[in-house]
Amino acid sequence: MNTRFAKLTLATLISASLGLSPLGVMAADPAPASAPAAAPSTPAPAAQADKAAKKTTAKSKKDKKAEKKAKKQSKKKAKAAQQPAAAQ
């Protein structure tokens, strides 16, 4: 009976420690709670301008990729059109 009680006690302690471990980590790390309050509000418009600039460059990359794909497809079509003519 003592063995059963010891196993039950050990299992209870382990499960309790596993259950409480995330709470201990959150209590030890105060950075996420203070980060929003410490962030200054003045650089927000500059950050938005940077995001807009990044979006325009991303769009231009997409445009370049689309143009490259279109050129590749037109070359394929031209090559396919020339091959049957050469075979005859």
C-alpha atoms as a PDB file:
ATOM      1  CA  MET A   1       0.000   0.000   0.000  1.00  0.00           C
ATOM      2  CA  ASN A   2       2.884   2.355   0.678  1.00  0.00           C
ATOM      3  CA  THR A   3       4.159   1.750  -2.871  1.00  0.00           C
ATOM      4  CA  ARG A   4       0.806   2.702  -4.384  1.00  0.00           C
ATOM      5  CA  PHE A   5       0.651   5.825  -2.249  1.00  0.00           C
ATOM      6  CA  ALA A   6       4.218   6.765  -3.201  1.00  0.00           C
ATOM      7  CA  LYS A   7       3.484   6.314  -6.921  1.00  0.00           C
ATOM      8  CA  LEU A   8       0.294   8.345  -6.644  1.00  0.00           C
ATOM      9  CA  THR A   9       2.108  11.110  -4.787  1.00  0.00           C
ATOM     10  CA  LEU A  10       4.922  11.169  -7.329  1.00  0.00           C
ATOM     11  CA  ALA A  11       2.482  11.260 -10.248  1.00  0.00           C
ATOM     12  CA  THR A  12       0.555  14.085  -8.593  1.00  0.00           C
ATOM     13  CA  LEU A  13       3.694  16.142  -8.035  1.00  0.00           C
ATOM     14  CA  ILE A  14       4.892  15.627 -11.618  1.00  0.00           C
ATOM     15  CA  SER A  15       1.540  16.555 -13.149  1.00  0.00           C
ATOM     16  CA  ALA A  16       1.266  19.617 -10.907  1.00  0.00           C
ATOM     17  CA  SER A  17       4.764  20.777 -11.857  1.00  0.00           C
ATOM     18  CA  LEU A  18       4.018  20.301 -15.556  1.00  0.00           C
ATOM     19  CA  GLY A  19       0.774  22.186 -15.199  1.00  0.00           C
ATOM     20  CA  LEU A  20       2.350  25.103 -13.363  1.00  0.00           C
ATOM     21  CA  SER A  21       5.510  25.407 -15.462  1.00  0.00           C
ATOM     22  CA  PRO A  22       3.981  27.758 -18.100  1.00  0.00           C
ATOM     23  CA  LEU A  23       2.810  30.052 -15.315  1.00  0.00           C
ATOM     24  CA  GLY A  24       6.331  30.190 -13.923  1.00  0.00           C
ATOM     25  CA  VAL A  25       7.728  31.099 -17.330  1.00  0.00           C
ATOM     26  CA  MET A  26       5.178  33.860 -17.822  1.00  0.00           C
ATOM     27  CA  ALA A  27       5.884  35.288 -14.381  1.00  0.00           C
ATOM     28  CA  ALA A  28       9.650  35.268 -15.001  1.00  0.00           C
ATOM     29  CA  ASP A  29       9.414  37.067 -18.367  1.00  0.00           C
ATOM     30  CA  PRO A  30       8.034  40.602 -17.910  1.00  0.00           C
ATOM     31  CA  ALA A  31       9.135  41.854 -21.366  1.00  0.00           C
ATOM     32  CA  PRO A  32       5.944  41.098 -23.353  1.00  0.00           C
ATOM     33  CA  ALA A  33       3.750  42.854 -20.800  1.00  0.00           C
ATOM     34  CA  SER A  34       5.806  46.072 -20.813  1.00  0.00           C
ATOM     35  CA  ALA A  35       6.626  46.158 -24.546  1.00  0.00           C
ATOM     36  CA  PRO A  36       3.339  47.705 -25.779  1.00  0.00           C
ATOM     37  CA  ALA A  37       3.426  50.418 -23.136  1.00  0.00           C
ATOM     38  CA  ALA A  38       7.053  51.314 -23.893  1.00  0.00           C
ATOM     39  CA  ALA A  39       6.547  51.619 -27.667  1.00  0.00           C
ATOM     40  CA  PRO A  40       6.544  55.269 -28.781  1.00  0.00           C
ATOM     41  CA  SER A  41       3.664  56.373 -30.979  1.00  0.00           C
ATOM     42  CA  THR A  42       5.619  58.865 -33.140  1.00  0.00           C
ATOM     43  CA  PRO A  43       7.467  56.401 -35.444  1.00  0.00           C
ATOM     44  CA  ALA A  44       4.190  54.762 -36.488  1.00  0.00           C
ATOM     45  CA  PRO A  45       3.673  56.996 -39.583  1.00  0.00           C
ATOM     46  CA  ALA A  46       7.248  56.354 -40.668  1.00  0.00           C
ATOM     47  CA  ALA A  47       6.727  52.628 -40.264  1.00  0.00           C
ATOM     48  CA  GLN A  48       3.586  52.852 -42.378  1.00  0.00           C
ATOM     49  CA  ALA A  49       5.515  54.661 -45.095  1.00  0.00           C
ATOM     50  CA  ASP A  50       8.170  51.950 -45.027  1.00  0.00           C
ATOM     51  CA  LYS A  51       5.493  49.280 -45.321  1.00  0.00           C
ATOM     52  CA  ALA A  52       3.978  51.076 -48.298  1.00  0.00           C
ATOM     53  CA  ALA A  53       7.378  51.290 -49.968  1.00  0.00           C
ATOM     54  CA  LYS A  54       7.967  47.594 -49.366  1.00  0.00           C
ATOM     55  CA  LYS A  55       4.578  46.774 -50.874  1.00  0.00           C
ATOM     56  CA  THR A  56       5.410  48.710 -54.031  1.00  0.00           C
ATOM     57  CA  THR A  57       8.704  46.865 -54.378  1.00  0.00           C
ATOM     58  CA  ALA A  58       6.914  43.587 -53.796  1.00  0.00           C
ATOM     59  CA  LYS A  59       4.426  44.463 -56.515  1.00  0.00           C
ATOM     60  CA  SER A  60       7.223  45.301 -58.893  1.00  0.00           C
ATOM     61  CA  LYS A  61       8.813  41.920 -58.180  1.00  0.00           C
ATOM     62  CA  LYS A  62       5.507  40.258 -58.999  1.00  0.00           C
ATOM     63  CA  ASP A  63       5.264  42.280 -62.189  1.00  0.00           C
ATOM     64  CA  LYS A  64       8.785  41.295 -63.189  1.00  0.00           C
ATOM     65  CA  LYS A  65       8.008  37.656 -62.557  1.00  0.00           C
ATOM     66  CA  ALA A  66       4.818  37.867 -64.623  1.00  0.00           C
ATOM     67  CA  GLU A  67       6.681  39.534 -67.490  1.00  0.00           C
ATOM     68  CA  LYS A  68       9.393  36.893 -67.383  1.00  0.00           C
ATOM     69  CA  LYS A  69       6.787  34.137 -67.457  1.00  0.00           C
ATOM     70  CA  ALA A  70       5.000  35.753 -70.380  1.00  0.00           C
ATOM     71  CA  LYS A  71       8.256  36.022 -72.340  1.00  0.00           C
ATOM     72  CA  LYS A  72       9.070  32.401 -71.631  1.00  0.00           C
ATOM     73  CA  GLN A  73       5.640  31.266 -72.819  1.00  0.00           C
ATOM     74  CA  SER A  74       5.877  33.349 -75.993  1.00  0.00           C
ATOM     75  CA  LYS A  75       9.290  31.835 -76.748  1.00  0.00           C
ATOM     76  CA  LYS A  76       7.822  28.361 -76.254  1.00  0.00           C
ATOM     77  CA  LYS A  77       4.961  29.124 -78.623  1.00  0.00           C
ATOM     78  CA  ALA A  78       7.326  30.542 -81.224  1.00  0.00           C
ATOM     79  CA  LYS A  79       9.578  27.522 -80.972  1.00  0.00           C
ATOM     80  CA  ALA A  80       6.616  25.151 -81.247  1.00  0.00           C
ATOM     81  CA  ALA A  81       5.361  27.013 -84.315  1.00  0.00           C
ATOM     82  CA  GLN A  82       8.773  26.776 -86.005  1.00  0.00           C
ATOM     83  CA  GLN A  83       9.266  23.039 -85.409  1.00  0.00           C
ATOM     84  CA  PRO A  84       6.311  21.772 -87.506  1.00  0.00           C
ATOM     85  CA  ALA A  85       7.279  24.124 -90.308  1.00  0.00           C
ATOM     86  CA  ALA A  86      10.813  22.773 -90.276  1.00  0.00           C
ATOM     87  CA  ALA A  87       9.580  19.160 -90.189  1.00  0.00           C
ATOM     88  CA  GLN A  88       7.498  19.560 -93.379  1.00  0.00           C
END
